[in-house]
Amino acid sequence: MHPIEAVRWAPEGDAVRIIDQTRLPESLVEVDLRTVDDVCDAIARLAVRGAPAIGVAGAMGLVAALAPHTGEPEAAFRARMSAYAARIASVRPTAANLSWAVNRVLDVGREMRGSNQALLSSLRERATALLDDDRAMCRRIGEHGEALVPDGARVLTHCNAGALATAGIGTALAPVYVAVERGRRVEVIVDETRPLLQGSRLTAWELARAGVPARVIVDGAAASFMRAGRVDLVLVGADRIAANGDAANKIGTYALAVLARHHGLPFYVAAPSSTVDAALASGDAITIEQRARDEVARPFGRVTAPDAVPVENPAFDVTPADLITAIVTDRGIHRPPFAFRDP
């Protein structure tokens, strides 16, 4: 299985190289992000997406965007660093990892004194460490979670929480990849994931590339597949998890949790421990990103709703903790009641 590198440094080190996920599955195109406009635009239009991946891309992008400005006076450079960090961190408010990763890099700037060039070097070291940590984090999620994926399992997933959503092998798909590595037979049932089809465009593409059997279904077919006994477990990612275990993920995830409970199926969430926002008591406090009308009314350039009809397009919903069987993080498998201490 040849690894996908959704986010990495460009060979010259002056840019963040991403896979432009808006071009998949038709073509595999890589794009270099050098400016703060490049970084914010790529995150906003979902050229890079998935909570861990946008966190890493945002952190690395902050460094790349600052590189041309080291000749400025120190005060001006530091003001630019703070302004760029705030701008990048605010692009997608629901994902905890974006602000977390950008602030991890910004912490270096707050703590050290020295030349702008020395500061930039330290920022780059921190961003590279986050990149490496994300890869290792994904592997740990896979190692912990593979026990939840038995031989012959039919795993339903929603959106994309695989290698394209991280710097490593993914979050929700990591246990699948590790289980397959260890010789288990696994089939992944892939919700198409409306309105932007991250399941059919991205998850199915990367699973096919990895040689893992996959089957795309329309979102509305999940209930019928469960009733027919064609799903053994649901495994999804998360963009933010509250202290009580409520989890925000791509819109439609909550419905799957309700369906799984009705049909007696386990519902698992896999995410980095950095996705847990201990400052939020419950999912009621999670900010839900509202996205553009045209993603629903004119997806992929086709008119699918009358111009006169209002459209709401929340990017996420929140699954209550009492519908979640377990949450897998890089620290282990957490079961209710969720406290997120090391298990």
Protein backbone atom coordinates (compact mmCIF):
# COMPACT_ATOMS: atom_id res chain seq x y z
CA MET A 1 0.00 0.00 0.00
CA HIS A 2 1.76 3.15 -1.20
CA PRO A 3 1.21 5.91 1.35
CA ILE A 4 -0.74 9.00 0.44
CA GLU A 5 0.89 12.24 1.58
CA ALA A 6 -1.95 14.73 1.78
CA VAL A 7 0.28 17.35 3.45
CA ARG A 8 4.06 17.75 3.40
CA TRP A 9 6.81 20.30 2.83
CA ALA A 10 7.62 21.08 -0.80
CA PRO A 11 11.12 19.83 -1.73
CA GLU A 12 12.60 23.34 -1.49
CA GLY A 13 11.04 23.81 1.93
CA ASP A 14 9.48 27.15 0.99
CA ALA A 15 5.88 25.94 0.68
CA VAL A 16 3.33 23.46 1.97
CA ARG A 17 2.55 20.84 -0.66
CA ILE A 18 -0.98 19.44 -0.54
CA ILE A 19 -3.10 17.15 -2.67
CA ASP A 20 -5.87 19.34 -4.10
CA GLN A 21 -8.82 17.24 -2.98
CA THR A 22 -11.29 19.25 -5.05
CA ARG A 23 -9.73 17.58 -8.12
CA LEU A 24 -10.25 14.02 -6.93
CA PRO A 25 -11.12 11.45 -8.14
CA GLU A 26 -10.70 12.73 -11.69
CA SER A 27 -7.05 13.69 -11.27
CA LEU A 28 -4.31 13.68 -8.65
CA VAL A 29 -3.00 17.25 -8.53
CA GLU A 30 -0.60 18.71 -5.97
CA VAL A 31 -0.55 22.40 -5.07
CA ASP A 32 2.08 24.45 -3.22
CA LEU A 33 0.85 26.97 -0.63
CA ARG A 34 3.23 29.90 -0.04
CA THR A 35 1.15 32.84 1.18
CA VAL A 36 -1.43 33.33 3.89
CA ASP A 37 -4.01 33.83 1.13
CA ASP A 38 -2.98 30.47 -0.39
CA VAL A 39 -3.33 28.71 2.95
CA CYS A 40 -6.67 30.24 3.91
CA ASP A 41 -8.13 29.68 0.46
CA ALA A 42 -7.02 26.02 0.36
CA ILE A 43 -8.59 25.34 3.76
CA ALA A 44 -11.79 27.28 3.02
CA ARG A 45 -12.47 25.62 -0.34
CA LEU A 46 -11.59 22.16 1.01
CA ALA A 47 -8.55 21.65 -1.18
CA VAL A 48 -7.07 20.42 2.08
CA ARG A 49 -9.60 19.10 4.59
CA GLY A 50 -10.01 16.80 7.56
CA ALA A 51 -9.32 18.13 11.04
CA PRO A 52 -5.77 16.76 11.47
CA ALA A 53 -4.73 17.69 7.93
CA ILE A 54 -5.94 21.27 8.14
CA GLY A 55 -4.26 21.61 11.51
CA VAL A 56 -0.91 20.51 10.11
CA ALA A 57 -1.39 22.53 6.91
CA GLY A 58 -2.34 25.62 8.91
CA ALA A 59 0.72 25.32 11.16
CA MET A 60 3.10 24.73 8.27
CA GLY A 61 1.37 27.37 6.18
CA LEU A 62 1.93 29.96 8.88
CA VAL A 63 5.67 29.31 8.63
CA ALA A 64 5.72 29.38 4.83
CA ALA A 65 3.75 32.64 4.74
CA LEU A 66 6.12 34.32 7.20
CA ALA A 67 9.33 33.25 5.43
CA PRO A 68 9.51 36.20 2.96
CA HIS A 69 9.15 38.75 5.78
CA THR A 70 12.14 38.06 8.03
CA GLY A 71 13.76 41.32 6.88
CA GLU A 72 11.12 43.36 8.68
CA PRO A 73 11.73 44.99 12.08
CA GLU A 74 11.20 42.50 14.88
CA ALA A 75 8.02 44.12 16.18
CA ALA A 76 6.48 44.20 12.71
CA PHE A 77 7.40 40.56 12.08
CA ARG A 78 5.87 39.45 15.36
CA ALA A 79 2.72 41.45 14.70
CA ARG A 80 2.47 39.81 11.28
CA MET A 81 2.96 36.37 12.88
CA SER A 82 0.07 36.95 15.29
CA ALA A 83 -2.19 38.38 12.58
CA TYR A 84 -1.50 35.52 10.16
CA ALA A 85 -2.05 32.94 12.90
CA ALA A 86 -5.41 34.44 13.89
CA ARG A 87 -6.53 34.58 10.28
CA ILE A 88 -5.61 30.97 9.51
CA ALA A 89 -7.08 29.63 12.76
CA SER A 90 -10.45 31.24 12.08
CA VAL A 91 -11.05 29.82 8.59
CA ARG A 92 -12.92 26.71 9.79
CA PRO A 93 -14.18 27.22 13.35
CA THR A 94 -15.58 23.76 14.10
CA ALA A 95 -12.30 21.86 13.73
CA ALA A 96 -10.40 21.95 17.03
CA ASN A 97 -7.15 20.82 15.42
CA LEU A 98 -6.75 23.92 13.25
CA SER A 99 -6.62 26.45 16.08
CA TRP A 100 -4.76 23.96 18.29
CA ALA A 101 -1.96 23.38 15.78
CA VAL A 102 -1.60 27.04 14.79
CA ASN A 103 -1.41 28.03 18.45
CA ARG A 104 1.21 25.37 19.11
CA VAL A 105 3.44 27.10 16.54
CA LEU A 106 2.51 30.54 17.80
CA ASP A 107 3.54 29.50 21.33
CA VAL A 108 7.13 29.25 20.09
CA GLY A 109 7.00 32.86 18.97
CA ARG A 110 5.61 33.96 22.31
CA GLU A 111 8.28 32.13 24.27
CA MET A 112 11.52 32.93 22.44
CA ARG A 113 13.52 36.04 21.69
CA GLY A 114 16.12 36.47 18.97
CA SER A 115 16.42 37.36 15.33
CA ASN A 116 13.51 36.93 12.98
CA GLN A 117 15.45 34.25 11.10
CA ALA A 118 16.12 32.30 14.29
CA LEU A 119 12.47 32.61 15.24
CA LEU A 120 11.36 31.37 11.83
CA SER A 121 13.68 28.40 12.16
CA SER A 122 12.12 27.51 15.51
CA LEU A 123 8.61 27.91 14.09
CA ARG A 124 9.55 25.55 11.26
CA GLU A 125 10.88 22.97 13.74
CA ARG A 126 7.61 23.06 15.68
CA ALA A 127 5.49 22.77 12.52
CA THR A 128 7.60 19.85 11.27
CA ALA A 129 7.25 18.16 14.65
CA LEU A 130 3.46 18.51 14.37
CA LEU A 131 3.63 16.90 10.93
CA ASP A 132 5.66 13.98 12.28
CA ASP A 133 3.48 13.72 15.38
CA ASP A 134 0.34 13.53 13.25
CA ARG A 135 1.74 10.60 11.30
CA ALA A 136 2.63 8.79 14.51
CA MET A 137 -0.74 9.69 16.05
CA CYS A 138 -2.60 8.09 13.15
CA ARG A 139 -0.63 4.90 13.56
CA ARG A 140 -1.42 4.76 17.28
CA ILE A 141 -5.14 5.20 16.57
CA GLY A 142 -4.90 2.31 14.12
CA GLU A 143 -3.06 0.13 16.62
CA HIS A 144 -5.59 0.83 19.37
CA GLY A 145 -8.67 0.60 17.18
CA GLU A 146 -7.91 -2.45 15.06
CA ALA A 147 -9.26 -4.68 17.82
CA LEU A 148 -12.69 -3.22 17.06
CA VAL A 149 -12.54 -4.47 13.44
CA PRO A 150 -12.94 -8.27 13.38
CA ASP A 151 -12.23 -10.53 10.44
CA GLY A 152 -15.00 -10.26 7.86
CA ALA A 153 -16.24 -6.92 9.21
CA ARG A 154 -18.40 -4.67 7.07
CA VAL A 155 -17.59 -1.17 8.26
CA LEU A 156 -19.82 1.79 7.44
CA THR A 157 -18.07 5.15 7.37
CA HIS A 158 -19.14 8.70 6.58
CA CYS A 159 -17.21 11.51 4.88
CA ASN A 160 -13.43 10.96 4.75
CA ALA A 161 -11.32 10.27 7.81
CA GLY A 162 -8.50 8.48 6.05
CA ALA A 163 -5.05 9.38 4.79
CA LEU A 164 -6.45 12.32 2.81
CA ALA A 165 -7.72 13.87 6.05
CA THR A 166 -4.43 13.59 7.95
CA ALA A 167 -0.68 13.57 7.49
CA GLY A 168 -0.66 9.80 8.14
CA ILE A 169 -2.94 6.81 7.55
CA GLY A 170 -6.05 8.52 8.87
CA THR A 171 -8.21 8.39 11.97
CA ALA A 172 -11.42 6.41 11.33
CA LEU A 173 -9.75 4.44 8.53
CA ALA A 174 -6.55 3.79 10.49
CA PRO A 175 -8.03 0.77 12.34
CA VAL A 176 -9.23 -0.58 8.99
CA TYR A 177 -5.80 -0.23 7.41
CA VAL A 178 -4.07 -1.88 10.38
CA ALA A 179 -6.63 -4.71 10.44
CA VAL A 180 -6.05 -5.33 6.72
CA GLU A 181 -2.27 -5.25 7.26
CA ARG A 182 -2.76 -8.02 9.82
CA GLY A 183 -4.57 -10.22 7.36
CA ARG A 184 -8.19 -9.56 8.20
CA ARG A 185 -10.87 -9.33 5.54
CA VAL A 186 -12.66 -6.00 5.73
CA GLU A 187 -15.17 -4.31 3.45
CA VAL A 188 -15.87 -0.61 3.88
CA ILE A 189 -19.36 0.69 3.10
CA VAL A 190 -18.82 4.30 2.05
CA ASP A 191 -21.58 6.87 2.42
CA GLU A 192 -21.34 9.23 -0.56
CA THR A 193 -21.60 12.11 1.98
CA ARG A 194 -23.61 14.96 0.52
CA PRO A 195 -23.39 17.67 -0.58
CA LEU A 196 -19.70 17.53 -1.62
CA LEU A 197 -19.40 13.73 -1.83
CA GLN A 198 -16.26 13.36 0.27
CA GLY A 199 -17.13 9.70 0.68
CA SER A 200 -17.55 8.72 -2.94
CA ARG A 201 -14.89 11.12 -4.25
CA LEU A 202 -12.23 10.72 -1.57
CA THR A 203 -12.75 7.74 0.72
CA ALA A 204 -13.59 5.35 -2.10
CA TRP A 205 -10.64 6.66 -4.11
CA GLU A 206 -8.09 6.13 -1.35
CA LEU A 207 -9.48 2.72 -0.36
CA ALA A 208 -9.37 1.54 -3.98
CA ARG A 209 -5.80 2.83 -4.25
CA ALA A 210 -4.90 0.91 -1.09
CA GLY A 211 -6.56 -2.29 -2.31
CA VAL A 212 -9.21 -2.34 0.43
CA PRO A 213 -12.65 -3.53 -0.77
CA ALA A 214 -15.13 -0.66 -0.73
CA ARG A 215 -18.73 -0.11 -1.77
CA VAL A 216 -20.29 3.36 -2.24
CA ILE A 217 -23.89 3.90 -1.18
CA VAL A 218 -26.07 7.00 -1.19
CA ASP A 219 -26.48 8.52 2.26
CA GLY A 220 -30.14 7.57 2.40
CA ALA A 221 -29.36 3.85 1.93
CA ALA A 222 -27.55 3.39 5.25
CA ALA A 223 -30.71 2.48 7.15
CA SER A 224 -31.70 -0.17 4.62
CA PHE A 225 -28.20 -1.69 4.66
CA MET A 226 -28.33 -1.91 8.45
CA ARG A 227 -31.79 -3.48 8.45
CA ALA A 228 -30.65 -6.03 5.87
CA GLY A 229 -27.72 -7.07 8.10
CA ARG A 230 -25.10 -5.72 5.73
CA VAL A 231 -23.31 -3.51 8.28
CA ASP A 232 -21.41 -4.76 11.34
CA LEU A 233 -20.18 -1.49 12.81
CA VAL A 234 -20.01 2.25 12.13
CA LEU A 235 -16.64 4.00 12.35
CA VAL A 236 -16.37 7.76 11.80
CA GLY A 237 -14.01 10.64 12.56
CA ALA A 238 -14.58 13.86 14.49
CA ASP A 239 -13.62 17.50 14.15
CA ARG A 240 -14.25 18.46 17.78
CA ILE A 241 -15.16 16.43 20.86
CA ALA A 242 -16.56 18.04 23.99
CA ALA A 243 -15.44 17.06 27.47
CA ASN A 244 -18.52 14.84 27.94
CA GLY A 245 -17.88 12.91 24.69
CA ASP A 246 -20.36 14.70 22.40
CA ALA A 247 -18.68 14.65 18.97
CA ALA A 248 -19.01 16.97 15.99
CA ASN A 249 -18.47 15.36 12.59
CA LYS A 250 -19.67 15.80 9.03
CA ILE A 251 -23.39 16.50 8.73
CA GLY A 252 -25.26 13.20 8.62
CA THR A 253 -23.17 11.49 11.28
CA TYR A 254 -25.78 12.01 14.01
CA ALA A 255 -28.37 10.22 11.88
CA LEU A 256 -26.03 7.23 11.52
CA ALA A 257 -25.60 7.07 15.29
CA VAL A 258 -29.37 6.99 15.79
CA LEU A 259 -29.70 4.28 13.14
CA ALA A 260 -26.88 2.25 14.66
CA ARG A 261 -28.53 2.36 18.09
CA HIS A 262 -31.88 1.24 16.62
CA HIS A 263 -30.24 -1.70 14.83
CA GLY A 264 -28.01 -2.72 17.74
CA LEU A 265 -24.75 -1.87 16.00
CA PRO A 266 -21.65 -0.39 17.64
CA PHE A 267 -20.94 3.23 16.75
CA TYR A 268 -17.28 4.22 17.08
CA VAL A 269 -15.58 7.62 16.75
CA ALA A 270 -11.83 7.86 16.02
CA ALA A 271 -9.93 11.12 16.45
CA PRO A 272 -6.68 12.53 17.83
CA SER A 273 -6.62 13.40 21.53
CA SER A 274 -6.04 17.01 20.39
CA THR A 275 -9.58 16.98 18.99
CA VAL A 276 -10.95 16.82 22.54
CA ASP A 277 -11.83 20.35 23.68
CA ALA A 278 -11.87 20.12 27.47
CA ALA A 279 -13.11 23.72 27.66
CA LEU A 280 -16.48 22.69 26.21
CA ALA A 281 -18.74 20.94 28.70
CA SER A 282 -20.99 19.53 25.98
CA GLY A 283 -21.63 19.55 22.27
CA ASP A 284 -24.16 22.35 22.67
CA ALA A 285 -21.20 24.74 22.85
CA ILE A 286 -19.58 23.57 19.61
CA THR A 287 -19.68 26.20 16.85
CA ILE A 288 -21.16 24.67 13.70
CA GLU A 289 -19.70 26.01 10.48
CA GLN A 290 -22.27 27.22 7.95
CA ARG A 291 -21.10 26.85 4.39
CA ALA A 292 -22.08 28.40 1.07
CA ARG A 293 -25.54 27.96 -0.47
CA ASP A 294 -24.08 26.90 -3.81
CA GLU A 295 -22.56 23.74 -2.33
CA VAL A 296 -26.15 22.47 -2.06
CA ALA A 297 -27.97 24.43 -4.77
CA ARG A 298 -25.24 24.31 -7.43
CA PRO A 299 -22.89 21.45 -6.58
CA PHE A 300 -20.18 20.82 -9.17
CA GLY A 301 -21.68 23.50 -11.41
CA ARG A 302 -25.16 21.97 -11.75
CA VAL A 303 -28.32 23.75 -10.60
CA THR A 304 -30.12 21.44 -8.16
CA ALA A 305 -32.42 23.85 -6.29
CA PRO A 306 -34.49 26.88 -7.42
CA ASP A 307 -32.82 30.23 -6.82
CA ALA A 308 -35.88 31.50 -4.93
CA VAL A 309 -35.75 28.73 -2.30
CA PRO A 310 -33.64 29.28 0.83
CA VAL A 311 -30.91 26.73 1.58
CA GLU A 312 -29.21 25.88 4.86
CA ASN A 313 -25.84 24.17 4.67
CA PRO A 314 -24.38 23.25 8.07
CA ALA A 315 -21.10 21.43 7.58
CA PHE A 316 -21.35 19.41 10.80
CA ASP A 317 -23.73 17.95 13.34
CA VAL A 318 -23.14 16.79 16.90
CA THR A 319 -23.61 13.19 18.00
CA PRO A 320 -24.51 12.93 21.70
CA ALA A 321 -22.12 10.89 23.82
CA ASP A 322 -24.87 8.47 24.86
CA LEU A 323 -25.06 7.21 21.27
CA ILE A 324 -21.30 6.55 21.03
CA THR A 325 -20.07 3.05 21.90
CA ALA A 326 -16.43 4.09 22.19
CA ILE A 327 -14.04 6.86 21.14
CA VAL A 328 -10.62 5.78 19.87
CA THR A 329 -7.77 8.28 20.27
CA ASP A 330 -4.01 7.97 20.08
CA ARG A 331 -4.14 7.33 23.85
CA GLY A 332 -6.41 4.31 23.63
CA ILE A 333 -10.06 3.27 23.58
CA HIS A 334 -12.33 5.42 25.75
CA ARG A 335 -15.74 4.15 26.80
CA PRO A 336 -18.63 5.89 28.55
CA PRO A 337 -18.65 7.79 30.77
CA PHE A 338 -16.04 9.70 28.81
CA ALA A 339 -13.34 11.35 30.90
CA PHE A 340 -10.41 11.14 28.42
CA ARG A 341 -7.81 10.19 30.95
CA ASP A 342 -5.15 7.79 29.74
CA PRO A 343 -6.91 4.38 29.80
